[in-house]
Amino acid sequence: LMLKKKYFPVVLIILALSTIHGSALIMLPIVFVAQGKAWNKKTVL
């Protein structure tokens, strides 16, 4: 889903899994930071 950039279901799944363990919320920004070419500006920042 991440590779296909289907972010809506990914976000919903992360939110659901955050009820299992709250730390899952860290992946909400990381999913977007990791998109794009390797060592892109978002990752470097």
PDB file of all heavy atoms in Angstrom:
ATOM      1  N   LEU A   1       0.835  -1.209   0.000  1.00  0.00           N
ATOM      2  CA  LEU A   1       0.000   0.000   0.000  1.00  0.00           C
ATOM      3  C   LEU A   1       0.872   1.262   0.000  1.00  0.00           C
ATOM      4  O   LEU A   1       0.548   2.243  -0.681  1.00  0.00           O
ATOM      5  CB  LEU A   1      -0.917   0.002   1.221  1.00  0.00           C
ATOM      6  CG  LEU A   1      -2.016  -1.063   1.258  1.00  0.00           C
ATOM      7  CD1 LEU A   1      -2.749  -1.023   2.600  1.00  0.00           C
ATOM      8  CD2 LEU A   1      -2.995  -0.872   0.112  1.00  0.00           C
ATOM      9  N   MET A   2       1.969   1.235   0.760  1.00  0.00           N
ATOM     10  CA  MET A   2       2.879   2.383   0.773  1.00  0.00           C
ATOM     11  C   MET A   2       3.483   2.608  -0.604  1.00  0.00           C
ATOM     12  O   MET A   2       3.579   3.749  -1.078  1.00  0.00           O
ATOM     13  CB  MET A   2       3.999   2.157   1.795  1.00  0.00           C
ATOM     14  CG  MET A   2       3.557   2.092   3.232  1.00  0.00           C
ATOM     15  SD  MET A   2       4.979   1.836   4.332  1.00  0.00           S
ATOM     16  CE  MET A   2       4.177   1.206   5.795  1.00  0.00           C
ATOM     17  N   LEU A   3       3.899   1.530  -1.259  1.00  0.00           N
ATOM     18  CA  LEU A   3       4.524   1.640  -2.575  1.00  0.00           C
ATOM     19  C   LEU A   3       3.540   2.176  -3.615  1.00  0.00           C
ATOM     20  O   LEU A   3       3.924   2.892  -4.542  1.00  0.00           O
ATOM     21  CB  LEU A   3       5.074   0.287  -3.020  1.00  0.00           C
ATOM     22  CG  LEU A   3       6.278  -0.231  -2.221  1.00  0.00           C
ATOM     23  CD1 LEU A   3       6.565  -1.682  -2.564  1.00  0.00           C
ATOM     24  CD2 LEU A   3       7.509   0.626  -2.485  1.00  0.00           C
ATOM     25  N   LYS A   4       2.275   1.813  -3.447  1.00  0.00           N
ATOM     26  CA  LYS A   4       1.238   2.303  -4.364  1.00  0.00           C
ATOM     27  C   LYS A   4       0.706   3.672  -3.939  1.00  0.00           C
ATOM     28  O   LYS A   4      -0.187   4.218  -4.584  1.00  0.00           O
ATOM     29  CB  LYS A   4       0.088   1.299  -4.423  1.00  0.00           C
ATOM     30  CG  LYS A   4       0.461  -0.023  -5.088  1.00  0.00           C
ATOM     31  CD  LYS A   4      -0.731  -0.977  -5.124  1.00  0.00           C
ATOM     32  CE  LYS A   4      -0.365  -2.279  -5.836  1.00  0.00           C
ATOM     33  NZ  LYS A   4      -1.514  -3.224  -5.855  1.00  0.00           N
ATOM     34  N   LYS A   5       1.262   4.206  -2.841  1.00  0.00           N
ATOM     35  CA  LYS A   5       0.885   5.516  -2.303  1.00  0.00           C
ATOM     36  C   LYS A   5      -0.600   5.594  -1.964  1.00  0.00           C
ATOM     37  O   LYS A   5      -1.235   6.645  -2.135  1.00  0.00           O
ATOM     38  CB  LYS A   5       1.300   6.623  -3.270  1.00  0.00           C
ATOM     39  CG  LYS A   5       2.809   6.678  -3.490  1.00  0.00           C
ATOM     40  CD  LYS A   5       3.232   7.822  -4.368  1.00  0.00           C
ATOM     41  CE  LYS A   5       4.755   7.829  -4.518  1.00  0.00           C
ATOM     42  NZ  LYS A   5       5.217   8.954  -5.377  1.00  0.00           N
ATOM     43  N   LYS A   6      -1.123   4.496  -1.472  1.00  0.00           N
ATOM     44  CA  LYS A   6      -2.501   4.477  -0.985  1.00  0.00           C
ATOM     45  C   LYS A   6      -2.483   4.835   0.498  1.00  0.00           C
ATOM     46  O   LYS A   6      -2.606   3.984   1.382  1.00  0.00           O
ATOM     47  CB  LYS A   6      -3.122   3.099  -1.223  1.00  0.00           C
ATOM     48  CG  LYS A   6      -3.274   2.767  -2.709  1.00  0.00           C
ATOM     49  CD  LYS A   6      -3.994   1.440  -2.913  1.00  0.00           C
ATOM     50  CE  LYS A   6      -4.205   1.161  -4.405  1.00  0.00           C
ATOM     51  NZ  LYS A   6      -4.920  -0.123  -4.625  1.00  0.00           N
ATOM     52  N   TYR A   7      -2.321   6.118   0.759  1.00  0.00           N
ATOM     53  CA  TYR A   7      -2.060   6.585   2.107  1.00  0.00           C
ATOM     54  C   TYR A   7      -3.270   6.475   3.037  1.00  0.00           C
ATOM     55  O   TYR A   7      -3.104   6.270   4.235  1.00  0.00           O
ATOM     56  CB  TYR A   7      -1.572   8.038   2.076  1.00  0.00           C
ATOM     57  CG  TYR A   7      -0.276   8.216   1.337  1.00  0.00           C
ATOM     58  CD1 TYR A   7      -0.156   9.140   0.297  1.00  0.00           C
ATOM     59  CD2 TYR A   7       0.844   7.454   1.665  1.00  0.00           C
ATOM     60  CE1 TYR A   7       1.047   9.307  -0.385  1.00  0.00           C
ATOM     61  CE2 TYR A   7       2.039   7.611   0.998  1.00  0.00           C
ATOM     62  CZ  TYR A   7       2.138   8.536  -0.033  1.00  0.00           C
ATOM     63  OH  TYR A   7       3.316   8.690  -0.708  1.00  0.00           O
ATOM     64  N   PHE A   8      -4.461   6.644   2.498  1.00  0.00           N
ATOM     65  CA  PHE A   8      -5.646   6.623   3.364  1.00  0.00           C
ATOM     66  C   PHE A   8      -5.777   5.307   4.128  1.00  0.00           C
ATOM     67  O   PHE A   8      -5.896   5.317   5.360  1.00  0.00           O
ATOM     68  CB  PHE A   8      -6.915   6.910   2.548  1.00  0.00           C
ATOM     69  CG  PHE A   8      -8.160   6.995   3.383  1.00  0.00           C
ATOM     70  CD1 PHE A   8      -8.350   8.060   4.262  1.00  0.00           C
ATOM     71  CD2 PHE A   8      -9.129   6.009   3.313  1.00  0.00           C
ATOM     72  CE1 PHE A   8      -9.496   8.141   5.049  1.00  0.00           C
ATOM     73  CE2 PHE A   8     -10.271   6.077   4.097  1.00  0.00           C
ATOM     74  CZ  PHE A   8     -10.458   7.145   4.972  1.00  0.00           C
ATOM     75  N   PRO A   9      -5.739   4.138   3.453  1.00  0.00           N
ATOM     76  CA  PRO A   9      -5.814   2.889   4.221  1.00  0.00           C
ATOM     77  C   PRO A   9      -4.609   2.680   5.129  1.00  0.00           C
ATOM     78  O   PRO A   9      -4.746   2.112   6.221  1.00  0.00           O
ATOM     79  CB  PRO A   9      -5.898   1.797   3.145  1.00  0.00           C
ATOM     80  CG  PRO A   9      -5.430   2.425   1.884  1.00  0.00           C
ATOM     81  CD  PRO A   9      -5.762   3.872   1.995  1.00  0.00           C
ATOM     82  N   VAL A  10      -3.431   3.152   4.712  1.00  0.00           N
ATOM     83  CA  VAL A  10      -2.238   3.021   5.556  1.00  0.00           C
ATOM     84  C   VAL A  10      -2.419   3.797   6.853  1.00  0.00           C
ATOM     85  O   VAL A  10      -2.137   3.295   7.946  1.00  0.00           O
ATOM     86  CB  VAL A  10      -0.969   3.498   4.815  1.00  0.00           C
ATOM     87  CG1 VAL A  10       0.227   3.536   5.774  1.00  0.00           C
ATOM     88  CG2 VAL A  10      -0.650   2.584   3.642  1.00  0.00           C
ATOM     89  N   VAL A  11      -2.902   5.030   6.750  1.00  0.00           N
ATOM     90  CA  VAL A  11      -3.128   5.866   7.932  1.00  0.00           C
ATOM     91  C   VAL A  11      -4.163   5.224   8.848  1.00  0.00           C
ATOM     92  O   VAL A  11      -3.993   5.187  10.077  1.00  0.00           O
ATOM     93  CB  VAL A  11      -3.559   7.284   7.523  1.00  0.00           C
ATOM     94  CG1 VAL A  11      -4.056   8.066   8.737  1.00  0.00           C
ATOM     95  CG2 VAL A  11      -2.404   8.026   6.868  1.00  0.00           C
ATOM     96  N   LEU A  12      -5.246   4.695   8.265  1.00  0.00           N
ATOM     97  CA  LEU A  12      -6.278   4.041   9.066  1.00  0.00           C
ATOM     98  C   LEU A  12      -5.710   2.836   9.818  1.00  0.00           C
ATOM     99  O   LEU A  12      -6.016   2.621  11.002  1.00  0.00           O
ATOM    100  CB  LEU A  12      -7.444   3.598   8.182  1.00  0.00           C
ATOM    101  CG  LEU A  12      -8.363   4.693   7.643  1.00  0.00           C
ATOM    102  CD1 LEU A  12      -9.469   4.075   6.803  1.00  0.00           C
ATOM    103  CD2 LEU A  12      -8.955   5.523   8.772  1.00  0.00           C
ATOM    104  N   ILE A  13      -4.879   2.047   9.137  1.00  0.00           N
ATOM    105  CA  ILE A  13      -4.276   0.861   9.766  1.00  0.00           C
ATOM    106  C   ILE A  13      -3.324   1.272  10.885  1.00  0.00           C
ATOM    107  O   ILE A  13      -3.315   0.672  11.964  1.00  0.00           O
ATOM    108  CB  ILE A  13      -3.545  -0.004   8.711  1.00  0.00           C
ATOM    109  CG1 ILE A  13      -4.580  -0.647   7.774  1.00  0.00           C
ATOM    110  CG2 ILE A  13      -2.698  -1.081   9.384  1.00  0.00           C
ATOM    111  CD1 ILE A  13      -3.974  -1.306   6.555  1.00  0.00           C
ATOM    112  N   ILE A  14      -2.536   2.327  10.652  1.00  0.00           N
ATOM    113  CA  ILE A  14      -1.624   2.817  11.693  1.00  0.00           C
ATOM    114  C   ILE A  14      -2.404   3.283  12.915  1.00  0.00           C
ATOM    115  O   ILE A  14      -2.054   2.972  14.059  1.00  0.00           O
ATOM    116  CB  ILE A  14      -0.731   3.949  11.155  1.00  0.00           C
ATOM    117  CG1 ILE A  14       0.260   3.402  10.128  1.00  0.00           C
ATOM    118  CG2 ILE A  14       0.019   4.636  12.302  1.00  0.00           C
ATOM    119  CD1 ILE A  14       1.069   4.479   9.423  1.00  0.00           C
ATOM    120  N   LEU A  15      -3.495   4.016  12.676  1.00  0.00           N
ATOM    121  CA  LEU A  15      -4.316   4.490  13.787  1.00  0.00           C
ATOM    122  C   LEU A  15      -4.929   3.325  14.551  1.00  0.00           C
ATOM    123  O   LEU A  15      -4.988   3.335  15.792  1.00  0.00           O
ATOM    124  CB  LEU A  15      -5.417   5.420  13.271  1.00  0.00           C
ATOM    125  CG  LEU A  15      -4.952   6.774  12.721  1.00  0.00           C
ATOM    126  CD1 LEU A  15      -6.128   7.541  12.133  1.00  0.00           C
ATOM    127  CD2 LEU A  15      -4.264   7.597  13.805  1.00  0.00           C
ATOM    128  N   ALA A  16      -5.378   2.301  13.815  1.00  0.00           N
ATOM    129  CA  ALA A  16      -5.955   1.127  14.468  1.00  0.00           C
ATOM    130  C   ALA A  16      -4.898   0.400  15.295  1.00  0.00           C
ATOM    131  O   ALA A  16      -5.140   0.006  16.447  1.00  0.00           O
ATOM    132  CB  ALA A  16      -6.557   0.189  13.428  1.00  0.00           C
ATOM    133  N   LEU A  17      -3.706   0.237  14.720  1.00  0.00           N
ATOM    134  CA  LEU A  17      -2.637  -0.479  15.422  1.00  0.00           C
ATOM    135  C   LEU A  17      -2.074   0.334  16.585  1.00  0.00           C
ATOM    136  O   LEU A  17      -1.483  -0.235  17.508  1.00  0.00           O
ATOM    137  CB  LEU A  17      -1.522  -0.852  14.433  1.00  0.00           C
ATOM    138  CG  LEU A  17      -1.899  -1.955  13.434  1.00  0.00           C
ATOM    139  CD1 LEU A  17      -0.838  -2.100  12.361  1.00  0.00           C
ATOM    140  CD2 LEU A  17      -2.108  -3.290  14.159  1.00  0.00           C
ATOM    141  N   SER A  18      -2.265   1.649  16.552  1.00  0.00           N
ATOM    142  CA  SER A  18      -1.803   2.469  17.678  1.00  0.00           C
ATOM    143  C   SER A  18      -2.615   2.182  18.938  1.00  0.00           C
ATOM    144  O   SER A  18      -2.187   2.505  20.048  1.00  0.00           O
ATOM    145  CB  SER A  18      -1.884   3.962  17.332  1.00  0.00           C
ATOM    146  OG  SER A  18      -3.232   4.404  17.267  1.00  0.00           O
ATOM    147  N   THR A  19      -3.798   1.570  18.778  1.00  0.00           N
ATOM    148  CA  THR A  19      -4.564   1.151  19.957  1.00  0.00           C
ATOM    149  C   THR A  19      -3.984  -0.125  20.555  1.00  0.00           C
ATOM    150  O   THR A  19      -4.266  -0.464  21.701  1.00  0.00           O
ATOM    151  CB  THR A  19      -6.054   0.910  19.611  1.00  0.00           C
ATOM    152  OG1 THR A  19      -6.181  -0.226  18.746  1.00  0.00           O
ATOM    153  CG2 THR A  19      -6.649   2.133  18.932  1.00  0.00           C
ATOM    154  N   ILE A  20      -3.171  -0.841  19.752  1.00  0.00           N
ATOM    155  CA  ILE A  20      -2.432  -2.004  20.260  1.00  0.00           C
ATOM    156  C   ILE A  20      -1.186  -1.524  20.996  1.00  0.00           C
ATOM    157  O   ILE A  20      -0.871  -1.976  22.091  1.00  0.00           O
ATOM    158  CB  ILE A  20      -2.022  -2.951  19.113  1.00  0.00           C
ATOM    159  CG1 ILE A  20      -3.252  -3.436  18.334  1.00  0.00           C
ATOM    160  CG2 ILE A  20      -1.206  -4.124  19.642  1.00  0.00           C
ATOM    161  CD1 ILE A  20      -4.136  -4.395  19.066  1.00  0.00           C
ATOM    162  N   HIS A  21      -0.468  -0.577  20.370  1.00  0.00           N
ATOM    163  CA  HIS A  21       0.692   0.043  21.016  1.00  0.00           C
ATOM    164  C   HIS A  21       0.820   1.465  20.501  1.00  0.00           C
ATOM    165  O   HIS A  21       0.954   1.688  19.285  1.00  0.00           O
ATOM    166  CB  HIS A  21       1.973  -0.737  20.732  1.00  0.00           C
ATOM    167  CG  HIS A  21       3.070  -0.462  21.716  1.00  0.00           C
ATOM    168  ND1 HIS A  21       3.894   0.635  21.628  1.00  0.00           N
ATOM    169  CD2 HIS A  21       3.463  -1.125  22.842  1.00  0.00           C
ATOM    170  CE1 HIS A  21       4.757   0.623  22.640  1.00  0.00           C
ATOM    171  NE2 HIS A  21       4.514  -0.426  23.386  1.00  0.00           N
ATOM    172  N   GLY A  22       0.769   2.428  21.409  1.00  0.00           N
ATOM    173  CA  GLY A  22       0.737   3.840  21.047  1.00  0.00           C
ATOM    174  C   GLY A  22       1.913   4.310  20.217  1.00  0.00           C
ATOM    175  O   GLY A  22       1.801   5.280  19.461  1.00  0.00           O
ATOM    176  N   SER A  23       3.057   3.635  20.323  1.00  0.00           N
ATOM    177  CA  SER A  23       4.249   4.052  19.586  1.00  0.00           C
ATOM    178  C   SER A  23       4.074   3.950  18.078  1.00  0.00           C
ATOM    179  O   SER A  23       4.845   4.536  17.318  1.00  0.00           O
ATOM    180  CB  SER A  23       5.459   3.211  20.014  1.00  0.00           C
ATOM    181  OG  SER A  23       5.248   1.842  19.687  1.00  0.00           O
ATOM    182  N   ALA A  24       3.044   3.221  17.618  1.00  0.00           N
ATOM    183  CA  ALA A  24       2.807   3.062  16.178  1.00  0.00           C
ATOM    184  C   ALA A  24       2.564   4.409  15.503  1.00  0.00           C
ATOM    185  O   ALA A  24       2.806   4.561  14.295  1.00  0.00           O
ATOM    186  CB  ALA A  24       1.616   2.137  15.936  1.00  0.00           C
ATOM    187  N   LEU A  25       2.130   5.402  16.263  1.00  0.00           N
ATOM    188  CA  LEU A  25       1.839   6.722  15.699  1.00  0.00           C
ATOM    189  C   LEU A  25       3.081   7.380  15.098  1.00  0.00           C
ATOM    190  O   LEU A  25       2.960   8.269  14.247  1.00  0.00           O
ATOM    191  CB  LEU A  25       1.239   7.633  16.777  1.00  0.00           C
ATOM    192  CG  LEU A  25      -0.168   7.239  17.266  1.00  0.00           C
ATOM    193  CD1 LEU A  25      -0.584   8.116  18.437  1.00  0.00           C
ATOM    194  CD2 LEU A  25      -1.184   7.346  16.138  1.00  0.00           C
ATOM    195  N   ILE A  26       4.278   6.943  15.517  1.00  0.00           N
ATOM    196  CA  ILE A  26       5.508   7.497  14.950  1.00  0.00           C
ATOM    197  C   ILE A  26       5.575   7.270  13.447  1.00  0.00           C
ATOM    198  O   ILE A  26       6.225   8.016  12.710  1.00  0.00           O
ATOM    199  CB  ILE A  26       6.760   6.877  15.640  1.00  0.00           C
ATOM    200  CG1 ILE A  26       8.037   7.637  15.254  1.00  0.00           C
ATOM    201  CG2 ILE A  26       6.931   5.418  15.253  1.00  0.00           C
ATOM    202  CD1 ILE A  26       8.108   9.032  15.786  1.00  0.00           C
ATOM    203  N   MET A  27       4.857   6.235  12.962  1.00  0.00           N
ATOM    204  CA  MET A  27       4.917   5.912  11.544  1.00  0.00           C
ATOM    205  C   MET A  27       4.057   6.831  10.683  1.00  0.00           C
ATOM    206  O   MET A  27       4.189   6.820   9.456  1.00  0.00           O
ATOM    207  CB  MET A  27       4.510   4.460  11.322  1.00  0.00           C
ATOM    208  CG  MET A  27       5.547   3.459  11.787  1.00  0.00           C
ATOM    209  SD  MET A  27       7.170   3.705  11.009  1.00  0.00           S
ATOM    210  CE  MET A  27       6.825   3.168   9.332  1.00  0.00           C
ATOM    211  N   LEU A  28       3.193   7.631  11.277  1.00  0.00           N
ATOM    212  CA  LEU A  28       2.385   8.562  10.478  1.00  0.00           C
ATOM    213  C   LEU A  28       3.269   9.533   9.693  1.00  0.00           C
ATOM    214  O   LEU A  28       3.092   9.670   8.478  1.00  0.00           O
ATOM    215  CB  LEU A  28       1.391   9.311  11.376  1.00  0.00           C
ATOM    216  CG  LEU A  28       0.202   8.474  11.884  1.00  0.00           C
ATOM    217  CD1 LEU A  28      -0.640   9.286  12.859  1.00  0.00           C
ATOM    218  CD2 LEU A  28      -0.652   7.994  10.716  1.00  0.00           C
ATOM    219  N   PRO A  29       4.240  10.208  10.323  1.00  0.00           N
ATOM    220  CA  PRO A  29       5.141  11.048   9.511  1.00  0.00           C
ATOM    221  C   PRO A  29       6.177  10.245   8.744  1.00  0.00           C
ATOM    222  O   PRO A  29       6.547  10.612   7.626  1.00  0.00           O
ATOM    223  CB  PRO A  29       5.806  11.955  10.556  1.00  0.00           C
ATOM    224  CG  PRO A  29       5.739  11.184  11.835  1.00  0.00           C
ATOM    225  CD  PRO A  29       4.459  10.416  11.770  1.00  0.00           C
ATOM    226  N   ILE A  30       6.654   9.136   9.324  1.00  0.00           N
ATOM    227  CA  ILE A  30       7.734   8.376   8.691  1.00  0.00           C
ATOM    228  C   ILE A  30       7.308   7.799   7.345  1.00  0.00           C
ATOM    229  O   ILE A  30       8.102   7.751   6.394  1.00  0.00           O
ATOM    230  CB  ILE A  30       8.218   7.235   9.618  1.00  0.00           C
ATOM    231  CG1 ILE A  30       8.831   7.819  10.885  1.00  0.00           C
ATOM    232  CG2 ILE A  30       9.227   6.335   8.905  1.00  0.00           C
ATOM    233  CD1 ILE A  30      10.051   8.679  10.663  1.00  0.00           C
ATOM    234  N   VAL A  31       6.058   7.378   7.227  1.00  0.00           N
ATOM    235  CA  VAL A  31       5.556   6.837   5.958  1.00  0.00           C
ATOM    236  C   VAL A  31       5.755   7.847   4.830  1.00  0.00           C
ATOM    237  O   VAL A  31       6.106   7.478   3.697  1.00  0.00           O
ATOM    238  CB  VAL A  31       4.066   6.464   6.085  1.00  0.00           C
ATOM    239  CG1 VAL A  31       3.423   6.292   4.718  1.00  0.00           C
ATOM    240  CG2 VAL A  31       3.906   5.181   6.887  1.00  0.00           C
ATOM    241  N   PHE A  32       5.575   9.117   5.128  1.00  0.00           N
ATOM    242  CA  PHE A  32       5.719  10.156   4.105  1.00  0.00           C
ATOM    243  C   PHE A  32       7.190  10.557   3.924  1.00  0.00           C
ATOM    244  O   PHE A  32       7.632  10.833   2.806  1.00  0.00           O
ATOM    245  CB  PHE A  32       4.877  11.380   4.467  1.00  0.00           C
ATOM    246  CG  PHE A  32       3.403  11.074   4.534  1.00  0.00           C
ATOM    247  CD1 PHE A  32       2.775  10.811   5.742  1.00  0.00           C
ATOM    248  CD2 PHE A  32       2.647  11.027   3.376  1.00  0.00           C
ATOM    249  CE1 PHE A  32       1.426  10.524   5.804  1.00  0.00           C
ATOM    250  CE2 PHE A  32       1.282  10.733   3.416  1.00  0.00           C
ATOM    251  CZ  PHE A  32       0.670  10.477   4.631  1.00  0.00           C
ATOM    252  N   VAL A  33       7.941  10.559   5.022  1.00  0.00           N
ATOM    253  CA  VAL A  33       9.363  10.901   4.944  1.00  0.00           C
ATOM    254  C   VAL A  33      10.118   9.884   4.080  1.00  0.00           C
ATOM    255  O   VAL A  33      11.010  10.247   3.294  1.00  0.00           O
ATOM    256  CB  VAL A  33       9.984  10.945   6.361  1.00  0.00           C
ATOM    257  CG1 VAL A  33      11.509  11.011   6.288  1.00  0.00           C
ATOM    258  CG2 VAL A  33       9.449  12.134   7.136  1.00  0.00           C
ATOM    259  N   ALA A  34       9.744   8.616   4.177  1.00  0.00           N
ATOM    260  CA  ALA A  34      10.472   7.551   3.480  1.00  0.00           C
ATOM    261  C   ALA A  34      10.098   7.430   2.004  1.00  0.00           C
ATOM    262  O   ALA A  34      10.748   6.690   1.267  1.00  0.00           O
ATOM    263  CB  ALA A  34      10.222   6.214   4.181  1.00  0.00           C
ATOM    264  N   GLN A  35       9.059   8.142   1.569  1.00  0.00           N
ATOM    265  CA  GLN A  35       8.685   8.087   0.157  1.00  0.00           C
ATOM    266  C   GLN A  35       9.674   8.887  -0.690  1.00  0.00           C
ATOM    267  O   GLN A  35      10.289   9.843  -0.218  1.00  0.00           O
ATOM    268  CB  GLN A  35       7.276   8.651  -0.038  1.00  0.00           C
ATOM    269  CG  GLN A  35       6.171   7.770   0.511  1.00  0.00           C
ATOM    270  CD  GLN A  35       5.951   6.514  -0.333  1.00  0.00           C
ATOM    271  OE1 GLN A  35       6.504   6.363  -1.413  1.00  0.00           O
ATOM    272  NE2 GLN A  35       5.142   5.604   0.181  1.00  0.00           N
ATOM    273  N   GLY A  36       9.804   8.507  -1.945  1.00  0.00           N
ATOM    274  CA  GLY A  36      10.718   9.213  -2.843  1.00  0.00           C
ATOM    275  C   GLY A  36      12.041   8.490  -2.976  1.00  0.00           C
ATOM    276  O   GLY A  36      12.217   7.374  -2.487  1.00  0.00           O
ATOM    277  N   LYS A  37      12.981   9.113  -3.644  1.00  0.00           N
ATOM    278  CA  LYS A  37      14.277   8.492  -3.889  1.00  0.00           C
ATOM    279  C   LYS A  37      15.067   8.323  -2.585  1.00  0.00           C
ATOM    280  O   LYS A  37      14.844   9.028  -1.611  1.00  0.00           O
ATOM    281  CB  LYS A  37      15.085   9.323  -4.883  1.00  0.00           C
ATOM    282  CG  LYS A  37      14.554   9.256  -6.307  1.00  0.00           C
ATOM    283  CD  LYS A  37      15.540   9.840  -7.293  1.00  0.00           C
ATOM    284  CE  LYS A  37      15.083   9.607  -8.727  1.00  0.00           C
ATOM    285  NZ  LYS A  37      16.074  10.069  -9.710  1.00  0.00           N
ATOM    286  N   ALA A  38      15.991   7.386  -2.623  1.00  0.00           N
ATOM    287  CA  ALA A  38      16.846   7.155  -1.455  1.00  0.00           C
ATOM    288  C   ALA A  38      17.672   8.399  -1.159  1.00  0.00           C
ATOM    289  O   ALA A  38      18.149   9.072  -2.066  1.00  0.00           O
ATOM    290  CB  ALA A  38      17.761   5.961  -1.722  1.00  0.00           C
ATOM    291  N   TRP A  39      17.794   8.701   0.111  1.00  0.00           N
ATOM    292  CA  TRP A  39      18.548   9.864   0.572  1.00  0.00           C
ATOM    293  C   TRP A  39      17.960  11.160   0.008  1.00  0.00           C
ATOM    294  O   TRP A  39      18.686  12.084  -0.347  1.00  0.00           O
ATOM    295  CB  TRP A  39      20.035   9.754   0.216  1.00  0.00           C
ATOM    296  CG  TRP A  39      20.764   8.701   0.983  1.00  0.00           C
ATOM    297  CD1 TRP A  39      20.984   7.412   0.597  1.00  0.00           C
ATOM    298  CD2 TRP A  39      21.354   8.826   2.277  1.00  0.00           C
ATOM    299  NE1 TRP A  39      21.666   6.725   1.563  1.00  0.00           N
ATOM    300  CE2 TRP A  39      21.914   7.559   2.611  1.00  0.00           C
ATOM    301  CE3 TRP A  39      21.461   9.884   3.196  1.00  0.00           C
ATOM    302  CZ2 TRP A  39      22.567   7.332   3.806  1.00  0.00           C
ATOM    303  CZ3 TRP A  39      22.119   9.652   4.402  1.00  0.00           C
ATOM    304  CH2 TRP A  39      22.667   8.381   4.687  1.00  0.00           C
ATOM    305  N   ASN A  40      16.632  11.244  -0.047  1.00  0.00           N
ATOM    306  CA  ASN A  40      16.012  12.481  -0.517  1.00  0.00           C
ATOM    307  C   ASN A  40      16.066  13.550   0.573  1.00  0.00           C
ATOM    308  O   ASN A  40      16.495  13.298   1.697  1.00  0.00           O
ATOM    309  CB  ASN A  40      14.576  12.225  -0.989  1.00  0.00           C
ATOM    310  CG  ASN A  40      13.690  11.677   0.117  1.00  0.00           C
ATOM    311  OD1 ASN A  40      13.582  12.259   1.199  1.00  0.00           O
ATOM    312  ND2 ASN A  40      13.069  10.530  -0.116  1.00  0.00           N
ATOM    313  N   LYS A  41      15.588  14.748   0.239  1.00  0.00           N
ATOM    314  CA  LYS A  41      15.703  15.878   1.164  1.00  0.00           C
ATOM    315  C   LYS A  41      14.963  15.634   2.479  1.00  0.00           C
ATOM    316  O   LYS A  41      15.436  16.022   3.554  1.00  0.00           O
ATOM    317  CB  LYS A  41      15.172  17.150   0.496  1.00  0.00           C
ATOM    318  CG  LYS A  41      16.049  17.654  -0.642  1.00  0.00           C
ATOM    319  CD  LYS A  41      15.467  18.915  -1.256  1.00  0.00           C
ATOM    320  CE  LYS A  41      16.341  19.411  -2.407  1.00  0.00           C
ATOM    321  NZ  LYS A  41      15.769  20.634  -3.042  1.00  0.00           N
ATOM    322  N   LYS A  42      13.778  14.997   2.399  1.00  0.00           N
ATOM    323  CA  LYS A  42      13.004  14.736   3.624  1.00  0.00           C
ATOM    324  C   LYS A  42      13.779  13.828   4.566  1.00  0.00           C
ATOM    325  O   LYS A  42      13.814  14.064   5.786  1.00  0.00           O
ATOM    326  CB  LYS A  42      11.667  14.084   3.252  1.00  0.00           C
ATOM    327  CG  LYS A  42      10.713  14.955   2.463  1.00  0.00           C
ATOM    328  CD  LYS A  42       9.483  14.176   2.051  1.00  0.00           C
ATOM    329  CE  LYS A  42       9.837  13.076   1.050  1.00  0.00           C
ATOM    330  NZ  LYS A  42       8.650  12.320   0.597  1.00  0.00           N
ATOM    331  N   THR A  43      14.405  12.793   3.995  1.00  0.00           N
ATOM    332  CA  THR A  43      15.162  11.856   4.824  1.00  0.00           C
ATOM    333  C   THR A  43      16.386  12.524   5.429  1.00  0.00           C
ATOM    334  O   THR A  43      16.699  12.327   6.606  1.00  0.00           O
ATOM    335  CB  THR A  43      15.604  10.631   3.980  1.00  0.00           C
ATOM    336  OG1 THR A  43      14.491  10.129   3.255  1.00  0.00           O
ATOM    337  CG2 THR A  43      16.171   9.542   4.858  1.00  0.00           C
ATOM    338  N   VAL A  44      17.064  13.318   4.622  1.00  0.00           N
ATOM    339  CA  VAL A  44      18.262  14.021   5.101  1.00  0.00           C
ATOM    340  C   VAL A  44      17.890  15.007   6.209  1.00  0.00           C
ATOM    341  O   VAL A  44      18.605  15.135   7.214  1.00  0.00           O
ATOM    342  CB  VAL A  44      18.971  14.743   3.934  1.00  0.00           C
ATOM    343  CG1 VAL A  44      20.102  15.630   4.464  1.00  0.00           C
ATOM    344  CG2 VAL A  44      19.525  13.732   2.932  1.00  0.00           C
ATOM    345  N   LEU A  45      16.760  15.701   6.042  1.00  0.00           N
ATOM    346  CA  LEU A  45      16.317  16.647   7.081  1.00  0.00           C
ATOM    347  C   LEU A  45      16.010  15.918   8.388  1.00  0.00           C
ATOM    348  O   LEU A  45      16.302  16.437   9.472  1.00  0.00           O
ATOM    349  CB  LEU A  45      15.078  17.411   6.599  1.00  0.00           C
ATOM    350  CG  LEU A  45      15.329  18.531   5.581  1.00  0.00           C
ATOM    351  CD1 LEU A  45      14.005  19.098   5.073  1.00  0.00           C
ATOM    352  CD2 LEU A  45      16.181  19.640   6.193  1.00  0.00           C
TER     353      LEU A  45
END
